[in-house]
């Protein structure tokens, strides 16, 4: 059983690693190309090499993005918000919705259309 698991992991690694290497190579080339096209013309900065572009990607991920994957970035906030909403009473929930509508949605209250019955 353990050997079967090891072979499955090895197959997966042999399939994933080449795509990962290709992805990193393409991203490095794109960053280098964009930098070399834009930065010298806009700001007068020097051209960079491919390896400097990869280093720039790694540095920017460390400083701004971290190395966690894109999966589940908003999941924690969404989960926390759902927990808070579940703990609210119906009155608190309605007050929260009204606050959101006032901030992000319609500012004036919704006006219902008049009845379709003619006045006699």
Protein backbone atom coordinates (compact mmCIF):
# COMPACT_ATOMS: atom_id res chain seq x y z
CA UNK A 1 0.00 0.00 0.00
CA UNK A 2 2.76 2.42 0.91
CA UNK A 3 4.63 1.67 -2.33
CA UNK A 4 1.49 2.32 -4.38
CA UNK A 5 1.08 5.71 -2.69
CA UNK A 6 4.72 6.59 -3.37
CA UNK A 7 4.33 5.74 -7.07
CA UNK A 8 1.21 7.86 -7.34
CA UNK A 9 2.97 10.84 -5.75
CA UNK A 10 5.96 10.33 -8.04
CA UNK A 11 3.72 10.29 -11.14
CA UNK A 12 1.98 13.44 -9.99
CA UNK A 13 5.31 15.16 -9.38
CA UNK A 14 6.56 14.16 -12.82
CA UNK A 15 3.46 15.68 -14.37
CA UNK A 16 3.29 18.86 -12.30
CA UNK A 17 6.95 19.90 -12.08
CA UNK A 18 7.50 20.49 -15.84
CA UNK A 19 4.40 22.69 -16.01
CA UNK A 20 5.52 24.61 -12.96
CA UNK A 21 8.98 25.17 -14.42
CA UNK A 22 7.45 26.31 -17.71
CA UNK A 23 5.07 28.65 -15.89
CA UNK A 24 7.90 30.26 -13.91
CA UNK A 25 9.98 30.62 -17.08
CA UNK A 26 7.16 32.30 -18.97
CA UNK A 27 6.31 34.65 -16.09
CA UNK A 28 9.98 35.63 -15.77
CA UNK A 29 10.16 36.35 -19.49
CA UNK A 30 6.95 38.41 -19.39
CA UNK A 31 8.17 40.49 -16.42
CA UNK A 32 11.56 41.04 -18.07
CA UNK A 33 9.92 42.07 -21.36
CA UNK A 34 7.46 44.45 -19.72
CA UNK A 35 10.14 46.01 -17.57
CA UNK A 36 12.53 46.47 -20.47
CA UNK A 37 9.78 47.98 -22.66
CA UNK A 38 8.25 50.32 -20.08
CA UNK A 39 10.65 51.34 -17.33
CA UNK A 40 13.52 52.73 -19.42
CA UNK A 41 11.12 54.73 -21.58
CA UNK A 42 8.99 56.03 -18.71
CA UNK A 43 11.50 56.56 -15.92
CA UNK A 44 14.94 56.18 -17.51
CA UNK A 45 15.74 53.06 -15.49
CA UNK A 46 18.17 50.41 -16.72
CA UNK A 47 17.29 47.20 -18.55
CA UNK A 48 17.16 44.02 -16.48
CA UNK A 49 18.16 40.45 -17.26
CA UNK A 50 15.98 37.36 -17.04
CA UNK A 51 17.45 36.37 -13.66
CA UNK A 52 16.91 39.86 -12.29
CA UNK A 53 13.26 39.62 -13.41
CA UNK A 54 12.87 36.33 -11.50
CA UNK A 55 14.48 37.93 -8.47
CA UNK A 56 12.09 40.85 -8.77
CA UNK A 57 9.11 38.45 -8.84
CA UNK A 58 10.36 36.66 -5.74
CA UNK A 59 11.02 39.94 -3.93
CA UNK A 60 7.60 41.32 -4.76
CA UNK A 61 5.91 38.10 -3.60
CA UNK A 62 7.80 38.27 -0.31
CA UNK A 63 7.02 41.95 0.27
CA UNK A 64 3.46 42.14 -1.01
CA UNK A 65 1.87 38.77 -1.56
CA UNK A 66 3.44 36.03 0.46
CA UNK A 67 3.72 32.54 -0.96
CA UNK A 68 0.32 31.10 -0.24
CA UNK A 69 -1.74 30.07 -3.20
CA UNK A 70 -4.59 31.99 -4.72
CA UNK A 71 -7.05 29.38 -3.50
CA UNK A 72 -8.94 30.48 -0.42
CA UNK A 73 -7.65 34.03 -0.09
CA UNK A 74 -11.08 35.42 0.64
CA UNK A 75 -12.39 32.26 2.24
CA UNK A 76 -11.30 33.24 5.75
CA UNK A 77 -12.99 36.64 5.60
CA UNK A 78 -16.12 35.16 4.04
CA UNK A 79 -16.24 32.42 6.69
CA UNK A 80 -15.82 34.96 9.47
CA UNK A 81 -18.58 37.14 8.05
CA UNK A 82 -20.94 34.18 7.79
CA UNK A 83 -20.25 33.29 11.44
CA UNK A 84 -21.02 36.84 12.50
CA UNK A 85 -24.25 36.90 10.49
CA UNK A 86 -25.38 33.63 12.06
CA UNK A 87 -24.92 35.09 15.54
CA UNK A 88 -26.98 38.21 14.73
CA UNK A 89 -30.59 38.55 15.64
CA UNK A 90 -33.02 39.24 12.76
CA UNK A 91 -33.24 42.91 13.81
CA UNK A 92 -29.44 43.28 13.80
CA UNK A 93 -29.24 41.56 10.42
CA UNK A 94 -31.82 43.93 8.93
CA UNK A 95 -30.04 46.96 10.39
CA UNK A 96 -26.77 45.66 8.89
CA UNK A 97 -28.42 45.26 5.46
CA UNK A 98 -29.84 48.76 5.66
CA UNK A 99 -26.37 50.09 6.47
CA UNK A 100 -24.93 48.30 3.45
CA UNK A 101 -27.65 49.64 1.19
CA UNK A 102 -27.02 53.12 2.49
CA UNK A 103 -23.32 52.81 1.92
CA UNK A 104 -23.13 50.76 -1.28
CA UNK A 105 -26.60 50.50 -2.72
CA UNK A 106 -29.54 52.84 -3.09
CA UNK A 107 -29.38 55.79 -0.73
CA UNK A 108 -33.08 56.65 -0.79
CA UNK A 109 -35.59 54.08 0.37
CA UNK A 110 -37.27 51.95 -2.24
CA UNK A 111 -40.59 53.37 -3.38
CA UNK A 112 -43.30 50.85 -4.14
CA UNK A 113 -45.30 51.46 -7.34
CA UNK A 114 -48.86 52.64 -6.78
CA UNK A 115 -51.68 50.12 -6.93
CA UNK A 116 -52.93 49.37 -10.41
CA UNK A 117 -56.54 49.83 -9.27
CA UNK A 118 -58.07 53.05 -10.54
CA UNK A 119 -59.63 55.37 -7.99
CA UNK A 120 -63.38 55.57 -8.53
